[in-house]
């Protein structure tokens, strides 16, 4: 019997195999978004000001995000729902560990980490209820917070590299994503892969980000200073939200 989790593992294994084959959609992602990620990391350092005595949790991230720059905190834990091939000996000048866990159900006490960081993850965790759970958990576990996600309002869908596709009804979106986008052409996904990807790519509006992160400021990244590209919810110098708040607490001014 094939379960949803085993199906997801097969799809992710297929993705990893195709990455290893050379040129892929991920090659394009790297070329296009490299500059934005560098600029965003600079903003993170400037605004959050991570300190050398702090612990940082990267939810859904990978060690190579951090090994390309000097170690900035005491330790970095990269948390994912699947194992990551990583050896701490491969980067002895860094203190990075990988851990298994679900960002929607973090098994840490309130305020366990000084900083919780997440880049382009919350749009992949599932439906609105799981996105609420993700936001609630990272707000609870982290004292300082930095959560980025692509903007629903942006005409270009960044995962499929095609305009307007994320605004279409799901049945039409599935067809267009497979046959009319660079992602579909290069990846050549199965029907199951398309269905899984569509169900786990749910972009958020700015109002939804405000609802999910009421105690945070929302920063908007823009194309050409006009079109929203992504949103960043950040919180500094605040106590974590205690006890599994559901994401609907009253907003506070920082």
Protein backbone atom coordinates (compact mmCIF):
# COMPACT_ATOMS: atom_id res chain seq x y z
CA UNK A 1 0.00 0.00 0.00
CA UNK A 2 1.35 3.42 -0.98
CA UNK A 3 0.82 6.11 1.64
CA UNK A 4 0.94 9.87 1.10
CA UNK A 5 4.26 10.07 2.96
CA UNK A 6 5.83 7.25 0.94
CA UNK A 7 4.59 8.89 -2.27
CA UNK A 8 6.17 12.17 -1.23
CA UNK A 9 9.46 10.40 -0.47
CA UNK A 10 9.48 8.80 -3.94
CA UNK A 11 8.83 12.16 -5.59
CA UNK A 12 11.60 13.85 -3.59
CA UNK A 13 14.01 11.01 -4.41
CA UNK A 14 13.21 11.51 -8.09
CA UNK A 15 13.91 15.23 -7.75
CA UNK A 16 17.29 14.52 -6.15
CA UNK A 17 18.24 12.08 -8.91
CA UNK A 18 17.41 14.61 -11.63
CA UNK A 19 19.41 17.29 -9.82
CA UNK A 20 22.43 14.98 -9.91
CA UNK A 21 22.07 14.59 -13.69
CA UNK A 22 23.35 18.13 -14.32
CA UNK A 23 21.34 20.97 -15.83
CA UNK A 24 17.85 21.20 -14.37
CA UNK A 25 15.23 23.68 -13.24
CA UNK A 26 17.33 24.10 -10.09
CA UNK A 27 20.22 25.35 -12.22
CA UNK A 28 17.93 28.13 -13.43
CA UNK A 29 16.74 28.85 -9.90
CA UNK A 30 20.33 29.26 -8.78
CA UNK A 31 21.17 31.67 -11.60
CA UNK A 32 18.03 33.79 -11.23
CA UNK A 33 17.65 34.00 -7.47
CA UNK A 34 21.31 34.08 -6.39
CA UNK A 35 21.46 37.88 -6.30
CA UNK A 36 18.17 38.17 -4.41
CA UNK A 37 19.26 35.63 -1.80
CA UNK A 38 22.55 37.44 -1.23
CA UNK A 39 20.75 40.75 -0.82
CA UNK A 40 18.17 39.18 1.51
CA UNK A 41 20.85 37.65 3.71
CA UNK A 42 22.42 41.07 4.01
CA UNK A 43 19.08 42.45 5.18
CA UNK A 44 18.73 39.62 7.69
CA UNK A 45 22.13 40.39 9.18
CA UNK A 46 21.41 44.13 9.26
CA UNK A 47 17.94 43.89 10.81
CA UNK A 48 18.08 40.83 13.07
CA UNK A 49 21.74 41.26 14.04
CA UNK A 50 22.52 37.64 14.94
CA UNK A 51 25.11 37.42 17.73
CA UNK A 52 28.01 35.05 18.29
CA UNK A 53 26.46 33.66 21.49
CA UNK A 54 23.06 32.85 19.92
CA UNK A 55 21.46 29.63 18.70
CA UNK A 56 19.76 29.72 15.29
CA UNK A 57 17.20 27.29 13.87
CA UNK A 58 16.85 27.23 10.07
CA UNK A 59 13.48 25.61 9.39
CA UNK A 60 13.52 23.87 6.02
CA UNK A 61 17.00 25.12 5.19
CA UNK A 62 20.31 23.53 4.28
CA UNK A 63 23.87 23.92 5.56
CA UNK A 64 25.17 25.40 2.27
CA UNK A 65 23.12 28.53 2.99
CA UNK A 66 25.49 29.20 5.87
CA UNK A 67 28.83 27.69 4.83
CA UNK A 68 29.39 30.33 2.12
CA UNK A 69 29.85 32.98 4.82
CA UNK A 70 31.67 33.15 8.17
CA UNK A 71 29.94 31.59 11.17
CA UNK A 72 27.77 34.33 12.69
CA UNK A 73 26.16 32.54 15.66
CA UNK A 74 27.12 29.94 18.26
CA UNK A 75 25.36 27.09 16.44
CA UNK A 76 23.00 26.60 13.50
CA UNK A 77 20.51 23.73 13.37
CA UNK A 78 18.98 22.98 9.96
CA UNK A 79 15.64 21.23 10.43
CA UNK A 80 13.92 19.24 7.69
CA UNK A 81 11.32 16.50 7.41
CA UNK A 82 13.81 14.32 5.50
CA UNK A 83 17.42 13.39 6.24
CA UNK A 84 20.14 15.57 4.76
CA UNK A 85 23.53 14.24 3.73
CA UNK A 86 25.84 16.40 5.79
CA UNK A 87 29.06 15.95 7.72
CA UNK A 88 30.13 18.58 10.23
CA UNK A 89 33.73 17.66 9.38
CA UNK A 90 33.17 19.01 5.85
CA UNK A 91 33.03 22.55 7.27
CA UNK A 92 35.08 22.50 10.51
CA UNK A 93 35.10 26.28 10.73
CA UNK A 94 31.31 26.19 11.10
CA UNK A 95 29.06 24.76 13.79
CA UNK A 96 26.09 23.42 11.84
CA UNK A 97 23.95 20.39 12.66
CA UNK A 98 21.04 18.80 10.79
CA UNK A 99 17.95 17.62 12.63
CA UNK A 100 14.74 15.86 11.65
CA UNK A 101 11.47 17.55 12.46
CA UNK A 102 8.29 19.18 11.19
CA UNK A 103 8.10 22.97 11.18
CA UNK A 104 4.36 22.66 11.84
CA UNK A 105 4.99 20.72 15.07
CA UNK A 106 8.32 21.79 16.52
CA UNK A 107 9.36 19.75 19.56
CA UNK A 108 11.11 22.56 21.40
CA UNK A 109 10.21 24.64 24.42
CA UNK A 110 9.06 28.24 24.04
CA UNK A 111 12.00 30.49 23.21
CA UNK A 112 14.43 27.59 22.80
CA UNK A 113 16.22 29.38 19.96
CA UNK A 114 17.45 32.95 19.93
CA UNK A 115 16.73 33.19 16.20
CA UNK A 116 14.39 31.21 13.95
CA UNK A 117 15.05 31.63 10.24
CA UNK A 118 13.07 30.25 7.30
CA UNK A 119 13.41 31.00 3.60
CA UNK A 120 10.73 30.00 1.06
CA UNK A 121 9.30 27.16 3.16
CA UNK A 122 5.91 28.16 4.57
CA UNK A 123 4.35 28.09 1.08
CA UNK A 124 5.24 24.38 0.83
CA UNK A 125 3.88 22.97 4.10
CA UNK A 126 0.32 22.35 2.86
CA UNK A 127 -3.05 23.98 3.38
CA UNK A 128 -3.96 27.08 5.37
CA UNK A 129 -4.26 25.18 8.66
CA UNK A 130 -0.74 23.80 8.33
CA UNK A 131 0.55 27.24 7.40
CA UNK A 132 -1.06 28.58 10.58
CA UNK A 133 0.56 25.79 12.57
CA UNK A 134 3.95 26.57 11.01
CA UNK A 135 3.66 30.27 11.84
CA UNK A 136 2.51 29.54 15.39
CA UNK A 137 5.39 27.14 16.01
CA UNK A 138 8.19 29.34 14.71
CA UNK A 139 6.79 32.34 16.61
CA UNK A 140 6.71 30.27 19.78
CA UNK A 141 10.14 28.67 19.51
CA UNK A 142 12.11 31.72 18.38
CA UNK A 143 12.86 34.89 20.30
CA UNK A 144 13.81 36.65 17.09
CA UNK A 145 12.19 35.68 13.81
CA UNK A 146 12.82 35.92 10.05
CA UNK A 147 10.37 34.12 7.74
CA UNK A 148 10.38 34.81 3.98
CA UNK A 149 7.92 33.61 1.33
CA UNK A 150 7.15 34.54 -2.31
CA UNK A 151 4.28 36.99 -2.81
CA UNK A 152 1.00 35.71 -4.23
CA UNK A 153 0.48 39.16 -5.77
CA UNK A 154 3.59 38.81 -7.96
CA UNK A 155 2.54 37.94 -11.55
CA UNK A 156 5.51 35.59 -11.97
CA UNK A 157 5.19 32.30 -10.10
CA UNK A 158 8.80 31.69 -8.95
CA UNK A 159 8.70 27.89 -8.63
CA UNK A 160 7.29 27.25 -12.10
CA UNK A 161 8.90 30.35 -13.69
CA UNK A 162 5.71 31.27 -15.51
CA UNK A 163 3.34 34.25 -15.27
CA UNK A 164 -0.16 34.07 -13.75
CA UNK A 165 -0.25 30.28 -13.35
CA UNK A 166 -0.74 30.48 -9.55
CA UNK A 167 -3.87 32.62 -10.06
CA UNK A 168 -5.66 29.91 -12.03
CA UNK A 169 -8.18 27.37 -10.65
CA UNK A 170 -6.44 24.20 -9.50
CA UNK A 171 -7.55 21.89 -12.39
CA UNK A 172 -6.38 24.41 -15.00
CA UNK A 173 -3.26 25.17 -12.96
CA UNK A 174 -2.25 21.49 -13.02
CA UNK A 175 -2.48 21.32 -16.82
CA UNK A 176 -0.69 24.63 -17.40
CA UNK A 177 2.03 23.85 -14.86
CA UNK A 178 2.88 20.58 -16.58
CA UNK A 179 2.70 21.67 -20.22
CA UNK A 180 3.15 25.45 -20.35
CA UNK A 181 5.91 26.27 -17.86
CA UNK A 182 9.72 25.89 -17.82
CA UNK A 183 9.33 23.74 -14.69
CA UNK A 184 7.10 21.29 -16.57
CA UNK A 185 9.30 21.24 -19.69
CA UNK A 186 12.56 20.64 -17.84
CA UNK A 187 11.32 18.44 -15.02
CA UNK A 188 8.89 16.31 -17.05
CA UNK A 189 6.94 15.40 -13.93
CA UNK A 190 4.46 12.56 -13.57
CA UNK A 191 0.80 13.31 -12.86
CA UNK A 192 1.37 12.42 -9.19
CA UNK A 193 4.35 14.76 -9.03
CA UNK A 194 2.32 17.62 -10.53
CA UNK A 195 -0.56 17.00 -8.10
CA UNK A 196 1.77 16.88 -5.10
CA UNK A 197 3.62 20.02 -6.15
CA UNK A 198 0.44 22.02 -6.75
CA UNK A 199 -1.03 20.99 -3.38
CA UNK A 200 2.24 21.92 -1.63
CA UNK A 201 2.85 25.26 -3.32
CA UNK A 202 0.46 27.74 -1.73
CA UNK A 203 1.65 31.34 -2.02
CA UNK A 204 0.52 33.87 0.56
CA UNK A 205 -0.82 37.42 0.25
CA UNK A 206 0.43 40.26 2.39
CA UNK A 207 -2.81 40.27 4.40
CA UNK A 208 -2.40 36.55 5.08
CA UNK A 209 1.17 37.13 6.27
CA UNK A 210 -0.09 39.85 8.61
CA UNK A 211 -2.67 37.42 9.96
CA UNK A 212 -0.14 34.63 10.44
CA UNK A 213 2.49 36.88 12.04
CA UNK A 214 0.56 39.55 13.97
CA UNK A 215 3.47 40.40 16.29
CA UNK A 216 5.92 40.86 13.39
CA UNK A 217 6.70 43.56 10.90
CA UNK A 218 6.16 42.59 7.24
CA UNK A 219 8.87 43.68 4.82
CA UNK A 220 8.07 43.65 1.08
CA UNK A 221 10.74 42.84 -1.50
CA UNK A 222 9.87 44.32 -4.89
CA UNK A 223 10.81 43.96 -8.55
CA UNK A 224 11.95 47.35 -9.92
CA UNK A 225 10.69 48.97 -6.72
CA UNK A 226 7.06 48.40 -7.74
CA UNK A 227 5.85 44.78 -8.06
CA UNK A 228 5.81 42.73 -4.81
CA UNK A 229 8.23 39.81 -5.11
CA UNK A 230 8.18 38.34 -1.62
CA UNK A 231 7.31 39.06 1.99
CA UNK A 232 9.45 38.77 5.09
CA UNK A 233 7.93 38.56 8.56
CA UNK A 234 10.49 39.60 11.14
CA UNK A 235 10.54 40.17 14.88
CA UNK A 236 13.41 41.47 16.99
CA UNK A 237 13.92 42.06 20.71
CA UNK A 238 10.70 40.35 21.68
CA UNK A 239 9.76 37.46 23.91
CA UNK A 240 8.43 34.43 21.98
CA UNK A 241 4.69 33.88 21.80
CA UNK A 242 4.01 31.34 24.53
CA UNK A 243 1.97 28.17 24.55
CA UNK A 244 1.09 27.49 20.91
CA UNK A 245 -0.72 30.73 20.00
CA UNK A 246 -2.92 30.08 16.95
CA UNK A 247 -1.73 33.05 14.93
CA UNK A 248 -4.64 35.37 15.79
CA UNK A 249 -3.22 37.33 18.73
CA UNK A 250 -3.49 41.10 18.65
CA UNK A 251 -0.73 42.79 16.70
CA UNK A 252 1.91 44.73 18.63
CA UNK A 253 4.11 47.60 17.55
CA UNK A 254 7.83 47.01 17.60
